[in-house]
């Protein structure tokens, strides 16, 4: 089971700092990962259905939503990412 949220779009210029930040955060995040697809910055998780229990799934999805709210604002404010409409 894959869940993802688009956080923002890459800025037009000076994208190296945002790439570095995403990689740094991926070494810290547990159960989630930040990535880029085309021009969009995403946060995602993969849950294997054979191991999925209600409590675990609910916790991971809540974490995804909470982190998405945190990272979208931070990326726009600190790195010039473009708000995703």
N, C-alpha and C. Protein backbone atom coordinates (compact mmCIF):
# COMPACT_ATOMS: atom_id res chain seq x y z
N UNK A 1 0.86 -1.16 0.00
CA UNK A 1 0.00 0.00 0.00
C UNK A 1 0.91 1.22 0.00
N UNK A 2 0.70 2.11 -0.96
CA UNK A 2 1.49 3.32 -1.07
C UNK A 2 0.60 4.52 -0.76
N UNK A 3 1.11 5.42 0.06
CA UNK A 3 0.42 6.68 0.34
C UNK A 3 1.42 7.80 0.11
N UNK A 4 0.97 8.85 -0.53
CA UNK A 4 1.87 9.98 -0.76
C UNK A 4 1.11 11.28 -0.76
N UNK A 5 1.85 12.34 -0.54
CA UNK A 5 1.29 13.68 -0.55
C UNK A 5 2.27 14.59 -1.30
N UNK A 6 1.74 15.37 -2.22
CA UNK A 6 2.57 16.36 -2.91
C UNK A 6 2.70 17.56 -1.99
N UNK A 7 3.93 17.95 -1.72
CA UNK A 7 4.19 19.04 -0.79
C UNK A 7 4.26 20.39 -1.49
N UNK A 8 4.99 20.45 -2.59
CA UNK A 8 5.22 21.70 -3.30
C UNK A 8 5.89 21.36 -4.63
N UNK A 9 6.11 22.37 -5.44
CA UNK A 9 6.87 22.21 -6.67
C UNK A 9 8.27 22.77 -6.46
N UNK A 10 9.22 22.20 -7.19
CA UNK A 10 10.60 22.69 -7.10
C UNK A 10 10.67 24.16 -7.50
N UNK A 11 11.56 24.92 -6.87
CA UNK A 11 11.76 26.30 -7.30
C UNK A 11 12.39 26.33 -8.69
N UNK A 12 12.27 27.44 -9.37
CA UNK A 12 12.82 27.58 -10.72
C UNK A 12 14.35 27.64 -10.71
N UNK A 13 14.92 28.17 -9.63
CA UNK A 13 16.37 28.34 -9.54
C UNK A 13 16.85 27.85 -8.17
N UNK A 14 18.17 27.64 -8.08
CA UNK A 14 18.82 27.31 -6.81
C UNK A 14 18.20 26.08 -6.15
N UNK A 15 18.19 24.97 -6.88
CA UNK A 15 17.55 23.75 -6.37
C UNK A 15 18.50 22.83 -5.59
N UNK A 16 19.79 23.06 -5.69
CA UNK A 16 20.73 22.20 -4.96
C UNK A 16 20.47 22.18 -3.45
N UNK A 17 20.22 23.34 -2.81
CA UNK A 17 19.96 23.29 -1.37
C UNK A 17 18.72 22.44 -1.01
N UNK A 18 17.71 22.48 -1.83
CA UNK A 18 16.50 21.70 -1.54
C UNK A 18 16.78 20.21 -1.71
N UNK A 19 17.55 19.84 -2.73
CA UNK A 19 17.95 18.44 -2.91
C UNK A 19 18.75 17.95 -1.71
N UNK A 20 19.70 18.74 -1.28
CA UNK A 20 20.53 18.37 -0.12
C UNK A 20 19.68 18.20 1.13
N UNK A 21 18.76 19.12 1.34
CA UNK A 21 17.89 19.05 2.51
C UNK A 21 17.03 17.79 2.48
N UNK A 22 16.45 17.47 1.33
CA UNK A 22 15.60 16.28 1.22
C UNK A 22 16.40 15.02 1.54
N UNK A 23 17.61 14.94 1.01
CA UNK A 23 18.45 13.77 1.28
C UNK A 23 18.80 13.68 2.76
N UNK A 24 19.11 14.81 3.36
CA UNK A 24 19.44 14.84 4.79
C UNK A 24 18.25 14.36 5.63
N UNK A 25 17.07 14.84 5.30
CA UNK A 25 15.87 14.46 6.05
C UNK A 25 15.54 12.98 5.87
N UNK A 26 15.82 12.42 4.70
CA UNK A 26 15.54 11.00 4.47
C UNK A 26 16.37 10.11 5.38
N UNK A 27 17.52 10.59 5.82
CA UNK A 27 18.33 9.78 6.74
C UNK A 27 17.75 9.82 8.16
N UNK A 28 16.84 10.75 8.42
CA UNK A 28 16.26 10.92 9.74
C UNK A 28 14.85 10.32 9.82
N UNK A 29 14.08 10.48 8.76
CA UNK A 29 12.68 10.02 8.76
C UNK A 29 12.59 8.51 8.95
N UNK A 30 11.58 8.09 9.65
CA UNK A 30 11.35 6.65 9.86
C UNK A 30 9.98 6.29 9.28
N UNK A 31 9.97 5.39 8.31
CA UNK A 31 8.72 4.96 7.70
C UNK A 31 8.20 5.87 6.61
N UNK A 32 8.87 7.00 6.39
CA UNK A 32 8.47 7.97 5.37
C UNK A 32 9.70 8.33 4.55
N UNK A 33 9.46 8.81 3.34
CA UNK A 33 10.59 9.32 2.56
C UNK A 33 10.15 10.50 1.71
N UNK A 34 11.08 11.41 1.53
CA UNK A 34 10.87 12.58 0.69
C UNK A 34 11.48 12.29 -0.68
N UNK A 35 10.84 12.77 -1.72
CA UNK A 35 11.35 12.53 -3.06
C UNK A 35 10.82 13.54 -4.04
N UNK A 36 11.23 13.36 -5.29
CA UNK A 36 10.83 14.26 -6.36
C UNK A 36 10.32 13.42 -7.52
N UNK A 37 9.19 13.82 -8.06
CA UNK A 37 8.64 13.21 -9.26
C UNK A 37 8.31 14.33 -10.22
N UNK A 38 9.04 14.35 -11.34
CA UNK A 38 8.96 15.45 -12.31
C UNK A 38 9.31 16.74 -11.58
N UNK A 39 8.39 17.65 -11.38
CA UNK A 39 8.68 18.92 -10.73
C UNK A 39 8.10 18.99 -9.31
N UNK A 40 7.50 17.91 -8.85
CA UNK A 40 6.81 17.91 -7.56
C UNK A 40 7.66 17.26 -6.47
N UNK A 41 7.61 17.86 -5.29
CA UNK A 41 8.26 17.31 -4.10
C UNK A 41 7.20 16.52 -3.34
N UNK A 42 7.52 15.27 -3.00
CA UNK A 42 6.55 14.38 -2.37
C UNK A 42 7.06 13.86 -1.05
N UNK A 43 6.12 13.48 -0.20
CA UNK A 43 6.43 12.66 0.96
C UNK A 43 5.58 11.40 0.81
N UNK A 44 6.19 10.25 1.06
CA UNK A 44 5.46 9.01 0.82
C UNK A 44 5.84 7.94 1.83
N UNK A 45 5.02 6.90 1.83
CA UNK A 45 5.27 5.73 2.65
C UNK A 45 4.80 4.49 1.89
N UNK A 46 5.41 3.38 2.19
CA UNK A 46 4.98 2.09 1.66
C UNK A 46 4.70 1.18 2.84
N UNK A 47 3.51 0.59 2.84
CA UNK A 47 3.13 -0.35 3.88
C UNK A 47 2.81 -1.68 3.20
N UNK A 48 3.39 -2.73 3.68
CA UNK A 48 3.14 -4.05 3.10
C UNK A 48 1.90 -4.65 3.74
N UNK A 49 0.93 -5.01 2.90
CA UNK A 49 -0.37 -5.42 3.41
C UNK A 49 -0.32 -6.67 4.29
N UNK A 50 0.60 -7.57 4.07
CA UNK A 50 0.64 -8.77 4.90
C UNK A 50 1.07 -8.47 6.34
N UNK A 51 1.71 -7.33 6.55
CA UNK A 51 2.13 -6.95 7.90
C UNK A 51 1.28 -5.82 8.49
N UNK A 52 0.34 -5.33 7.73
CA UNK A 52 -0.42 -4.15 8.13
C UNK A 52 -1.45 -4.48 9.20
N UNK A 53 -1.36 -3.74 10.27
CA UNK A 53 -2.36 -3.80 11.34
C UNK A 53 -2.96 -2.42 11.47
N UNK A 54 -4.19 -2.37 11.93
CA UNK A 54 -4.92 -1.10 12.00
C UNK A 54 -4.14 -0.02 12.74
N UNK A 55 -3.57 -0.36 13.90
CA UNK A 55 -2.86 0.64 14.72
C UNK A 55 -1.64 1.18 13.96
N UNK A 56 -0.91 0.28 13.33
CA UNK A 56 0.29 0.67 12.58
C UNK A 56 -0.08 1.56 11.40
N UNK A 57 -1.08 1.16 10.63
CA UNK A 57 -1.50 1.94 9.47
C UNK A 57 -1.98 3.32 9.86
N UNK A 58 -2.78 3.39 10.92
CA UNK A 58 -3.29 4.68 11.39
C UNK A 58 -2.15 5.58 11.85
N UNK A 59 -1.18 5.01 12.55
CA UNK A 59 -0.05 5.80 13.04
C UNK A 59 0.80 6.33 11.89
N UNK A 60 1.07 5.48 10.90
CA UNK A 60 1.89 5.90 9.76
C UNK A 60 1.17 6.97 8.94
N UNK A 61 -0.14 6.80 8.71
CA UNK A 61 -0.88 7.80 7.94
C UNK A 61 -0.97 9.13 8.69
N UNK A 62 -1.15 9.08 10.00
CA UNK A 62 -1.15 10.32 10.79
C UNK A 62 0.20 11.00 10.70
N UNK A 63 1.27 10.23 10.79
CA UNK A 63 2.61 10.78 10.68
C UNK A 63 2.83 11.41 9.30
N UNK A 64 2.36 10.75 8.25
CA UNK A 64 2.47 11.29 6.90
C UNK A 64 1.76 12.63 6.79
N UNK A 65 0.55 12.71 7.31
CA UNK A 65 -0.22 13.97 7.25
C UNK A 65 0.46 15.06 8.06
N UNK A 66 0.90 14.73 9.27
CA UNK A 66 1.57 15.73 10.12
C UNK A 66 2.86 16.23 9.48
N UNK A 67 3.66 15.30 8.95
CA UNK A 67 4.93 15.70 8.33
C UNK A 67 4.68 16.48 7.03
N UNK A 68 3.63 16.12 6.28
CA UNK A 68 3.31 16.86 5.06
C UNK A 68 2.98 18.31 5.40
N UNK A 69 2.22 18.53 6.45
CA UNK A 69 1.89 19.90 6.87
C UNK A 69 3.13 20.66 7.30
N UNK A 70 4.05 19.98 7.95
CA UNK A 70 5.29 20.61 8.38
C UNK A 70 6.20 20.94 7.19
N UNK A 71 6.46 19.94 6.35
CA UNK A 71 7.43 20.11 5.28
C UNK A 71 6.96 21.05 4.17
N UNK A 72 5.67 21.06 3.85
CA UNK A 72 5.25 21.95 2.76
C UNK A 72 5.50 23.41 3.12
N UNK A 73 5.17 23.79 4.34
CA UNK A 73 5.41 25.18 4.78
C UNK A 73 6.90 25.49 4.84
N UNK A 74 7.68 24.57 5.38
CA UNK A 74 9.12 24.78 5.51
C UNK A 74 9.79 24.91 4.14
N UNK A 75 9.45 24.04 3.21
CA UNK A 75 10.08 24.08 1.88
C UNK A 75 9.75 25.37 1.14
N UNK A 76 8.54 25.85 1.28
CA UNK A 76 8.14 27.10 0.64
C UNK A 76 8.85 28.28 1.30
N UNK A 77 8.82 28.32 2.62
CA UNK A 77 9.40 29.43 3.37
C UNK A 77 10.92 29.49 3.27
N UNK A 78 11.59 28.35 3.48
CA UNK A 78 13.04 28.35 3.62
C UNK A 78 13.81 28.07 2.33
N UNK A 79 13.15 27.43 1.36
CA UNK A 79 13.87 27.02 0.15
C UNK A 79 13.27 27.58 -1.14
N UNK A 80 12.22 28.38 -1.03
CA UNK A 80 11.63 28.98 -2.22
C UNK A 80 10.84 28.01 -3.09
N UNK A 81 10.42 26.87 -2.51
CA UNK A 81 9.58 25.95 -3.28
C UNK A 81 8.28 26.67 -3.62
N UNK A 82 7.63 26.20 -4.67
CA UNK A 82 6.41 26.84 -5.16
C UNK A 82 5.22 26.07 -4.64
N UNK A 83 4.28 26.80 -4.06
CA UNK A 83 3.08 26.19 -3.49
C UNK A 83 2.37 25.35 -4.55
N UNK A 84 1.95 24.16 -4.14
CA UNK A 84 1.26 23.23 -5.06
C UNK A 84 -0.22 23.52 -5.01
N UNK A 85 -0.81 23.75 -6.17
CA UNK A 85 -2.27 24.02 -6.23
C UNK A 85 -3.02 22.80 -6.63
